């Protein structure tokens, strides 16, 4: 059986998104980048930190 090893040319997939707070003025938003491998709990933590 052959296995494929990750080399330096195989960068992890990165997700980029914008999140904002509703119902306030002026609008508060953040652009966030994170690895695609992060689970939902990790996404929650990232958003909480970004909006502090």
PDB file of N, CA and C in Angstrom:
ATOM      1  N   UNK A   1       0.845  -1.171   0.000  1.00  0.00           N
ATOM      2  CA  UNK A   1       0.000   0.000   0.000  1.00  0.00           C
ATOM      3  C   UNK A   1       0.895   1.241   0.000  1.00  0.00           C
ATOM      4  N   UNK A   2       0.550   2.201  -0.813  1.00  0.00           N
ATOM      5  CA  UNK A   2       1.305   3.448  -0.898  1.00  0.00           C
ATOM      6  C   UNK A   2       0.608   4.528  -0.081  1.00  0.00           C
ATOM      7  N   UNK A   3       1.411   5.351   0.544  1.00  0.00           N
ATOM      8  CA  UNK A   3       0.867   6.502   1.260  1.00  0.00           C
ATOM      9  C   UNK A   3       1.472   7.763   0.675  1.00  0.00           C
ATOM     10  N   UNK A   4       0.727   8.791   0.732  1.00  0.00           N
ATOM     11  CA  UNK A   4       1.183  10.075   0.207  1.00  0.00           C
ATOM     12  C   UNK A   4       1.549  10.982   1.379  1.00  0.00           C
ATOM     13  N   UNK A   5       2.762  11.477   1.390  1.00  0.00           N
ATOM     14  CA  UNK A   5       3.202  12.372   2.455  1.00  0.00           C
ATOM     15  C   UNK A   5       3.031  13.819   2.011  1.00  0.00           C
ATOM     16  N   UNK A   6       2.613  14.642   2.935  1.00  0.00           N
ATOM     17  CA  UNK A   6       2.454  16.067   2.631  1.00  0.00           C
ATOM     18  C   UNK A   6       3.828  16.714   2.549  1.00  0.00           C
ATOM     19  N   UNK A   7       4.083  17.356   1.451  1.00  0.00           N
ATOM     20  CA  UNK A   7       5.340  18.061   1.272  1.00  0.00           C
ATOM     21  C   UNK A   7       5.141  19.546   1.445  1.00  0.00           C
ATOM     22  N   UNK A   8       6.212  20.295   1.327  1.00  0.00           N
ATOM     23  CA  UNK A   8       6.095  21.745   1.508  1.00  0.00           C
ATOM     24  C   UNK A   8       5.203  22.419   0.469  1.00  0.00           C
ATOM     25  N   UNK A   9       4.997  21.775  -0.684  1.00  0.00           N
ATOM     26  CA  UNK A   9       4.168  22.380  -1.725  1.00  0.00           C
ATOM     27  C   UNK A   9       2.674  22.198  -1.458  1.00  0.00           C
ATOM     28  N   UNK A  10       2.319  21.353  -0.486  1.00  0.00           N
ATOM     29  CA  UNK A  10       0.913  21.102  -0.183  1.00  0.00           C
ATOM     30  C   UNK A  10       0.509  21.898   1.057  1.00  0.00           C
ATOM     31  N   UNK A  11       0.113  23.126   0.847  1.00  0.00           N
ATOM     32  CA  UNK A  11      -0.301  23.995   1.954  1.00  0.00           C
ATOM     33  C   UNK A  11      -1.709  23.608   2.396  1.00  0.00           C
ATOM     34  N   UNK A  12      -2.022  23.777   3.674  1.00  0.00           N
ATOM     35  CA  UNK A  12      -3.377  23.473   4.142  1.00  0.00           C
ATOM     36  C   UNK A  12      -4.394  24.423   3.509  1.00  0.00           C
ATOM     37  N   UNK A  13      -5.610  23.928   3.325  1.00  0.00           N
ATOM     38  CA  UNK A  13      -6.671  24.760   2.759  1.00  0.00           C
ATOM     39  C   UNK A  13      -7.091  25.811   3.789  1.00  0.00           C
ATOM     40  N   UNK A  14      -7.166  27.050   3.352  1.00  0.00           N
ATOM     41  CA  UNK A  14      -7.520  28.168   4.229  1.00  0.00           C
ATOM     42  C   UNK A  14      -8.883  28.724   3.823  1.00  0.00           C
ATOM     43  N   UNK A  15      -9.751  28.898   4.805  1.00  0.00           N
ATOM     44  CA  UNK A  15     -11.051  29.526   4.574  1.00  0.00           C
ATOM     45  C   UNK A  15     -10.956  30.987   4.980  1.00  0.00           C
ATOM     46  N   UNK A  16     -11.563  31.842   4.199  1.00  0.00           N
ATOM     47  CA  UNK A  16     -11.568  33.276   4.488  1.00  0.00           C
ATOM     48  C   UNK A  16     -13.020  33.738   4.469  1.00  0.00           C
ATOM     49  N   UNK A  17     -13.446  34.413   5.515  1.00  0.00           N
ATOM     50  CA  UNK A  17     -14.827  34.883   5.568  1.00  0.00           C
ATOM     51  C   UNK A  17     -14.910  36.199   6.326  1.00  0.00           C
ATOM     52  N   UNK A  18     -16.048  36.844   6.182  1.00  0.00           N
ATOM     53  CA  UNK A  18     -16.310  38.120   6.848  1.00  0.00           C
ATOM     54  C   UNK A  18     -17.495  37.917   7.782  1.00  0.00           C
ATOM     55  N   UNK A  19     -17.384  38.407   8.988  1.00  0.00           N
ATOM     56  CA  UNK A  19     -18.473  38.311   9.954  1.00  0.00           C
ATOM     57  C   UNK A  19     -18.744  39.698  10.529  1.00  0.00           C
ATOM     58  N   UNK A  20     -19.989  39.973  10.860  1.00  0.00           N
ATOM     59  CA  UNK A  20     -20.335  41.287  11.381  1.00  0.00           C
ATOM     60  C   UNK A  20     -21.413  41.164  12.441  1.00  0.00           C
ATOM     61  N   UNK A  21     -21.534  42.225  13.235  1.00  0.00           N
ATOM     62  CA  UNK A  21     -22.549  42.296  14.282  1.00  0.00           C
ATOM     63  C   UNK A  21     -23.769  43.021  13.736  1.00  0.00           C
ATOM     64  N   UNK A  22     -24.933  42.448  13.959  1.00  0.00           N
ATOM     65  CA  UNK A  22     -26.179  43.061  13.499  1.00  0.00           C
ATOM     66  C   UNK A  22     -26.745  43.989  14.568  1.00  0.00           C
ATOM     67  N   UNK A  23     -27.460  45.007  14.127  1.00  0.00           N
ATOM     68  CA  UNK A  23     -28.211  45.866  15.029  1.00  0.00           C
ATOM     69  C   UNK A  23     -27.412  46.952  15.715  1.00  0.00           C
ATOM     70  N   UNK A  24     -26.202  47.241  15.226  1.00  0.00           N
ATOM     71  CA  UNK A  24     -25.430  48.327  15.820  1.00  0.00           C
ATOM     72  C   UNK A  24     -24.944  49.264  14.727  1.00  0.00           C
ATOM     73  N   UNK A  25     -24.677  50.491  15.119  1.00  0.00           N
ATOM     74  CA  UNK A  25     -24.167  51.468  14.166  1.00  0.00           C
ATOM     75  C   UNK A  25     -23.060  52.252  14.852  1.00  0.00           C
ATOM     76  N   UNK A  26     -21.931  52.422  14.238  1.00  0.00           N
ATOM     77  CA  UNK A  26     -21.545  51.961  12.909  1.00  0.00           C
ATOM     78  C   UNK A  26     -21.319  50.446  12.889  1.00  0.00           C
ATOM     79  N   UNK A  27     -21.351  49.883  11.684  1.00  0.00           N
ATOM     80  CA  UNK A  27     -21.188  48.451  11.519  1.00  0.00           C
ATOM     81  C   UNK A  27     -19.803  48.013  12.001  1.00  0.00           C
ATOM     82  N   UNK A  28     -19.782  46.918  12.759  1.00  0.00           N
ATOM     83  CA  UNK A  28     -18.529  46.319  13.226  1.00  0.00           C
ATOM     84  C   UNK A  28     -18.372  44.996  12.503  1.00  0.00           C
ATOM     85  N   UNK A  29     -17.250  44.824  11.792  1.00  0.00           N
ATOM     86  CA  UNK A  29     -17.024  43.591  11.057  1.00  0.00           C
ATOM     87  C   UNK A  29     -15.564  43.192  11.159  1.00  0.00           C
ATOM     88  N   UNK A  30     -15.310  41.918  10.889  1.00  0.00           N
ATOM     89  CA  UNK A  30     -13.955  41.383  10.881  1.00  0.00           C
ATOM     90  C   UNK A  30     -13.815  40.415   9.710  1.00  0.00           C
ATOM     91  N   UNK A  31     -12.667  40.444   9.090  1.00  0.00           N
ATOM     92  CA  UNK A  31     -12.327  39.442   8.078  1.00  0.00           C
ATOM     93  C   UNK A  31     -11.427  38.427   8.766  1.00  0.00           C
ATOM     94  N   UNK A  32     -11.758  37.149   8.637  1.00  0.00           N
ATOM     95  CA  UNK A  32     -11.080  36.084   9.374  1.00  0.00           C
ATOM     96  C   UNK A  32     -10.559  35.040   8.401  1.00  0.00           C
ATOM     97  N   UNK A  33      -9.384  34.518   8.693  1.00  0.00           N
ATOM     98  CA  UNK A  33      -8.828  33.392   7.949  1.00  0.00           C
ATOM     99  C   UNK A  33      -8.524  32.283   8.939  1.00  0.00           C
ATOM    100  N   UNK A  34      -8.840  31.035   8.552  1.00  0.00           N
ATOM    101  CA  UNK A  34      -8.572  29.903   9.428  1.00  0.00           C
ATOM    102  C   UNK A  34      -8.440  28.640   8.601  1.00  0.00           C
ATOM    103  N   UNK A  35      -7.754  27.635   9.119  1.00  0.00           N
ATOM    104  CA  UNK A  35      -7.619  26.383   8.387  1.00  0.00           C
ATOM    105  C   UNK A  35      -8.980  25.707   8.204  1.00  0.00           C
ATOM    106  N   UNK A  36      -9.176  25.063   7.074  1.00  0.00           N
ATOM    107  CA  UNK A  36     -10.437  24.370   6.793  1.00  0.00           C
ATOM    108  C   UNK A  36     -10.641  23.180   7.724  1.00  0.00           C
ATOM    109  N   UNK A  37      -9.602  22.722   8.368  1.00  0.00           N
ATOM    110  CA  UNK A  37      -9.691  21.553   9.247  1.00  0.00           C
ATOM    111  C   UNK A  37     -10.275  21.880  10.621  1.00  0.00           C
ATOM    112  N   UNK A  38     -10.501  23.148  10.926  1.00  0.00           N
ATOM    113  CA  UNK A  38     -11.030  23.544  12.238  1.00  0.00           C
ATOM    114  C   UNK A  38     -12.485  23.102  12.351  1.00  0.00           C
ATOM    115  N   UNK A  39     -12.833  22.538  13.500  1.00  0.00           N
ATOM    116  CA  UNK A  39     -14.196  22.075  13.744  1.00  0.00           C
ATOM    117  C   UNK A  39     -15.089  23.242  14.184  1.00  0.00           C
ATOM    118  N   UNK A  40     -16.382  22.991  14.329  1.00  0.00           N
ATOM    119  CA  UNK A  40     -17.350  24.029  14.673  1.00  0.00           C
ATOM    120  C   UNK A  40     -16.993  24.724  15.988  1.00  0.00           C
ATOM    121  N   UNK A  41     -16.557  23.984  16.974  1.00  0.00           N
ATOM    122  CA  UNK A  41     -16.170  24.589  18.261  1.00  0.00           C
ATOM    123  C   UNK A  41     -15.016  25.576  18.048  1.00  0.00           C
ATOM    124  N   UNK A  42     -14.073  25.211  17.200  1.00  0.00           N
ATOM    125  CA  UNK A  42     -12.957  26.101  16.900  1.00  0.00           C
ATOM    126  C   UNK A  42     -13.419  27.354  16.182  1.00  0.00           C
ATOM    127  N   UNK A  43     -14.397  27.215  15.281  1.00  0.00           N
ATOM    128  CA  UNK A  43     -14.956  28.374  14.584  1.00  0.00           C
ATOM    129  C   UNK A  43     -15.582  29.335  15.588  1.00  0.00           C
ATOM    130  N   UNK A  44     -16.315  28.793  16.539  1.00  0.00           N
ATOM    131  CA  UNK A  44     -16.921  29.618  17.588  1.00  0.00           C
ATOM    132  C   UNK A  44     -15.847  30.407  18.333  1.00  0.00           C
ATOM    133  N   UNK A  45     -14.782  29.740  18.718  1.00  0.00           N
ATOM    134  CA  UNK A  45     -13.698  30.403  19.452  1.00  0.00           C
ATOM    135  C   UNK A  45     -13.044  31.498  18.617  1.00  0.00           C
ATOM    136  N   UNK A  46     -12.827  31.227  17.331  1.00  0.00           N
ATOM    137  CA  UNK A  46     -12.203  32.213  16.443  1.00  0.00           C
ATOM    138  C   UNK A  46     -13.076  33.462  16.339  1.00  0.00           C
ATOM    139  N   UNK A  47     -14.378  33.277  16.165  1.00  0.00           N
ATOM    140  CA  UNK A  47     -15.285  34.423  16.050  1.00  0.00           C
ATOM    141  C   UNK A  47     -15.319  35.210  17.359  1.00  0.00           C
ATOM    142  N   UNK A  48     -15.355  34.527  18.488  1.00  0.00           N
ATOM    143  CA  UNK A  48     -15.373  35.210  19.782  1.00  0.00           C
ATOM    144  C   UNK A  48     -14.133  36.078  19.966  1.00  0.00           C
ATOM    145  N   UNK A  49     -12.969  35.551  19.615  1.00  0.00           N
ATOM    146  CA  UNK A  49     -11.724  36.308  19.762  1.00  0.00           C
ATOM    147  C   UNK A  49     -11.683  37.470  18.775  1.00  0.00           C
ATOM    148  N   UNK A  50     -12.117  37.231  17.542  1.00  0.00           N
ATOM    149  CA  UNK A  50     -12.061  38.279  16.518  1.00  0.00           C
ATOM    150  C   UNK A  50     -12.951  39.467  16.865  1.00  0.00           C
ATOM    151  N   UNK A  51     -14.057  39.230  17.535  1.00  0.00           N
ATOM    152  CA  UNK A  51     -15.000  40.305  17.817  1.00  0.00           C
ATOM    153  C   UNK A  51     -14.759  40.992  19.160  1.00  0.00           C
ATOM    154  N   UNK A  52     -13.758  40.567  19.912  1.00  0.00           N
ATOM    155  CA  UNK A  52     -13.443  41.221  21.205  1.00  0.00           C
ATOM    156  C   UNK A  52     -12.828  42.570  20.999  1.00  0.00           C
TER     157      UNK A  52
END
